[in-house]
Amino acid sequence: MSGDPGTLPLPFFVYGTLRPGEPNHARCLSGRTGAEEPARLPGALLYDGPGYPYLARAADGAAGGGVLGELVTAVPGEYAGVLRDLDALEEFLAPGHPLNAYEREVCEAVRLSDGATVRAWVYVAGPAVRLGAAISGGDWLSRQRAPGQRAPVPGPAAPDVPRRS
């Protein structure tokens, strides 16, 4: 994974509350995507956060099979708005900004349907973030929740998106 300060029109690798069926997918992506394809991000680990996950790069030699998620492609005409709303949701201000909750980086995700490598944007935990427990298997949707527990909705200042709590 490498940082890229530009705004290349790439798909997004989503792995937590932005996945289909999760609350922020409905708020930020519903009706704005042309494709949503299961994928895996090798070389990454997933950690629990306060109701939403954090993705981090695996240290060289670290065990783990990567992180499961989806490659989400915005429909034509929606890309700039989706990028703006996701940057706001993930509290990404600018590359390397000290107040970033997440950094937006270019990654190489592997599409599960055919094994193809796809360049995509991914939001990675910022340096000031305290990572919770590792999520075994790297799949946010299969983590264990207490009975009746719903995930709090993270989010920033996009108009219809509540801020992180």
Protein backbone atom coordinates (compact mmCIF):
# COMPACT_ATOMS: atom_id res chain seq x y z
CA MET A 1 0.00 0.00 0.00
CA SER A 2 1.29 3.44 -0.72
CA GLY A 3 0.03 6.94 -0.06
CA ASP A 4 -1.31 8.89 -2.99
CA PRO A 5 -2.26 12.52 -2.46
CA GLY A 6 -4.29 12.67 -5.67
CA THR A 7 -7.86 11.79 -6.24
CA LEU A 8 -7.50 9.09 -8.88
CA PRO A 9 -10.94 7.75 -9.84
CA LEU A 10 -10.38 4.34 -8.30
CA PRO A 11 -12.84 1.96 -6.66
CA PHE A 12 -12.88 1.85 -2.86
CA PHE A 13 -11.97 -1.19 -0.78
CA VAL A 14 -14.48 -1.12 2.11
CA TYR A 15 -14.19 -3.50 5.06
CA GLY A 16 -16.45 -2.35 7.90
CA THR A 17 -19.55 -0.19 8.26
CA LEU A 18 -19.39 0.75 4.56
CA ARG A 19 -19.94 -2.86 3.44
CA PRO A 20 -23.32 -3.73 1.92
CA GLY A 21 -25.91 -4.25 4.64
CA GLU A 22 -24.01 -2.12 7.17
CA PRO A 23 -25.29 1.30 8.36
CA ASN A 24 -22.81 3.57 6.58
CA HIS A 25 -23.29 1.78 3.28
CA ALA A 26 -26.93 2.85 3.39
CA ARG A 27 -25.95 6.43 4.33
CA CYS A 28 -23.03 6.99 1.96
CA LEU A 29 -23.14 4.48 -0.89
CA SER A 30 -26.69 3.26 -1.49
CA GLY A 31 -27.78 4.12 -5.02
CA ARG A 32 -24.35 5.57 -5.84
CA THR A 33 -22.45 2.40 -6.79
CA GLY A 34 -22.20 0.60 -10.11
CA ALA A 35 -20.40 -2.47 -8.77
CA GLU A 36 -19.78 -4.09 -5.39
CA GLU A 37 -17.48 -7.10 -5.58
CA PRO A 38 -16.13 -9.27 -2.75
CA ALA A 39 -12.38 -8.83 -2.33
CA ARG A 40 -9.48 -9.41 0.04
CA LEU A 41 -6.71 -7.01 0.95
CA PRO A 42 -3.52 -8.99 1.58
CA GLY A 43 -0.87 -7.58 3.91
CA ALA A 44 -3.43 -5.96 6.18
CA LEU A 45 -4.94 -6.70 9.58
CA LEU A 46 -8.29 -5.66 11.02
CA TYR A 47 -8.79 -4.31 14.54
CA ASP A 48 -11.86 -3.56 16.59
CA GLY A 49 -12.66 0.07 17.26
CA PRO A 50 -15.48 1.78 19.13
CA GLY A 51 -18.25 0.26 16.99
CA TYR A 52 -16.32 0.25 13.73
CA PRO A 53 -13.07 -1.35 12.60
CA TYR A 54 -9.61 -0.06 11.85
CA LEU A 55 -7.44 -1.53 9.13
CA ALA A 56 -3.68 -1.45 9.56
CA ARG A 57 -0.78 -2.63 7.46
CA ALA A 58 0.68 -5.90 8.68
CA ALA A 59 4.27 -5.63 9.86
CA ASP A 60 6.73 -7.48 7.64
CA GLY A 61 6.44 -11.15 8.40
CA ALA A 62 3.22 -10.78 10.41
CA ALA A 63 0.79 -13.65 10.16
CA GLY A 64 -2.66 -13.15 8.75
CA GLY A 65 -4.60 -13.79 5.60
CA GLY A 66 -5.58 -10.21 4.95
CA VAL A 67 -8.84 -8.36 5.34
CA LEU A 68 -12.15 -9.26 3.68
CA GLY A 69 -14.31 -6.56 2.17
CA GLU A 70 -15.79 -5.29 -1.06
CA LEU A 71 -14.50 -3.30 -3.99
CA VAL A 72 -17.07 -0.57 -4.49
CA THR A 73 -17.15 1.40 -7.74
CA ALA A 74 -19.08 4.67 -7.89
CA VAL A 75 -21.47 5.19 -10.79
CA PRO A 76 -20.40 7.80 -13.36
CA GLY A 77 -21.14 11.28 -12.10
CA GLU A 78 -21.12 10.23 -8.42
CA TYR A 79 -17.38 9.68 -7.88
CA ALA A 80 -16.50 13.18 -6.60
CA GLY A 81 -19.43 13.19 -4.18
CA VAL A 82 -18.70 9.67 -2.92
CA LEU A 83 -15.04 10.56 -2.40
CA ARG A 84 -15.98 13.72 -0.51
CA ASP A 85 -18.50 11.90 1.70
CA LEU A 86 -16.17 8.98 2.46
CA ASP A 87 -13.31 11.35 3.30
CA ALA A 88 -15.66 13.14 5.69
CA LEU A 89 -16.96 9.90 7.23
CA GLU A 90 -13.43 8.61 7.78
CA GLU A 91 -12.22 11.97 9.10
CA PHE A 92 -9.56 12.21 6.40
CA LEU A 93 -8.55 15.86 6.00
CA ALA A 94 -5.43 15.62 3.84
CA PRO A 95 -2.54 13.20 3.39
CA GLY A 96 -0.50 13.08 6.61
CA HIS A 97 -2.72 15.61 8.44
CA PRO A 98 -2.23 15.17 12.22
CA LEU A 99 -5.99 15.15 12.88
CA ASN A 100 -6.77 12.32 10.43
CA ALA A 101 -8.57 9.38 12.00
CA TYR A 102 -7.78 7.45 8.82
CA GLU A 103 -5.36 7.93 5.95
CA ARG A 104 -6.65 7.34 2.42
CA GLU A 105 -4.14 5.20 0.52
CA VAL A 106 -3.91 3.29 -2.73
CA CYS A 107 -3.89 -0.48 -2.24
CA GLU A 108 -3.83 -3.63 -4.33
CA ALA A 109 -6.97 -5.62 -3.49
CA VAL A 110 -7.67 -9.08 -4.86
CA ARG A 111 -11.12 -9.60 -6.38
CA LEU A 112 -12.45 -12.94 -5.10
CA SER A 113 -14.42 -13.83 -8.25
CA ASP A 114 -11.36 -14.12 -10.50
CA GLY A 115 -8.24 -13.43 -8.40
CA ALA A 116 -7.50 -10.23 -10.32
CA THR A 117 -5.53 -7.52 -8.53
CA VAL A 118 -7.36 -4.17 -8.51
CA ARG A 119 -5.94 -0.81 -7.47
CA ALA A 120 -8.33 0.86 -5.04
CA TRP A 121 -8.57 3.46 -2.30
CA VAL A 122 -8.59 2.15 1.27
CA TYR A 123 -8.87 3.99 4.57
CA VAL A 124 -6.10 2.91 6.96
CA ALA A 125 -5.96 3.77 10.68
CA GLY A 126 -4.11 7.03 11.26
CA PRO A 127 -1.01 7.10 13.45
CA ALA A 128 -2.81 8.48 16.53
CA VAL A 129 -5.50 5.77 16.53
CA ARG A 130 -5.52 3.24 19.37
CA LEU A 131 -6.21 -0.14 17.85
CA GLY A 132 -8.48 -2.51 19.73
CA ALA A 133 -8.31 -6.29 19.65
CA ALA A 134 -7.43 -7.97 16.36
CA ILE A 135 -10.46 -9.32 14.50
CA SER A 136 -9.74 -12.96 13.81
CA GLY A 137 -10.03 -13.85 10.13
CA GLY A 138 -10.04 -10.18 9.08
CA ASP A 139 -13.80 -10.11 8.48
CA TRP A 140 -15.81 -7.38 10.22
CA LEU A 141 -19.10 -9.10 9.37
CA SER A 142 -18.16 -12.32 11.16
CA ARG A 143 -16.90 -10.75 14.40
CA GLN A 144 -18.64 -11.58 17.65
CA ARG A 145 -21.05 -9.02 19.13
CA ALA A 146 -22.86 -9.17 22.42
CA PRO A 147 -26.52 -10.24 22.00
CA GLY A 148 -28.63 -7.28 20.91
CA GLN A 149 -25.61 -5.05 20.39
CA ARG A 150 -25.72 -2.80 17.34
CA ALA A 151 -22.67 -1.11 15.96
CA PRO A 152 -22.54 2.62 16.65
CA VAL A 153 -22.39 4.63 13.47
CA PRO A 154 -19.07 6.38 12.91
CA GLY A 155 -19.10 9.44 10.83
CA PRO A 156 -18.23 13.00 10.19
CA ALA A 157 -19.47 16.07 8.76
CA ALA A 158 -21.05 14.98 5.51
CA PRO A 159 -24.60 16.39 5.55
CA ASP A 160 -26.55 13.17 6.18
CA VAL A 161 -23.81 11.37 8.06
CA PRO A 162 -23.59 11.59 11.85
CA ARG A 163 -20.20 12.25 13.43
CA ARG A 164 -18.20 9.63 15.29
CA SER A 165 -19.16 9.24 18.89
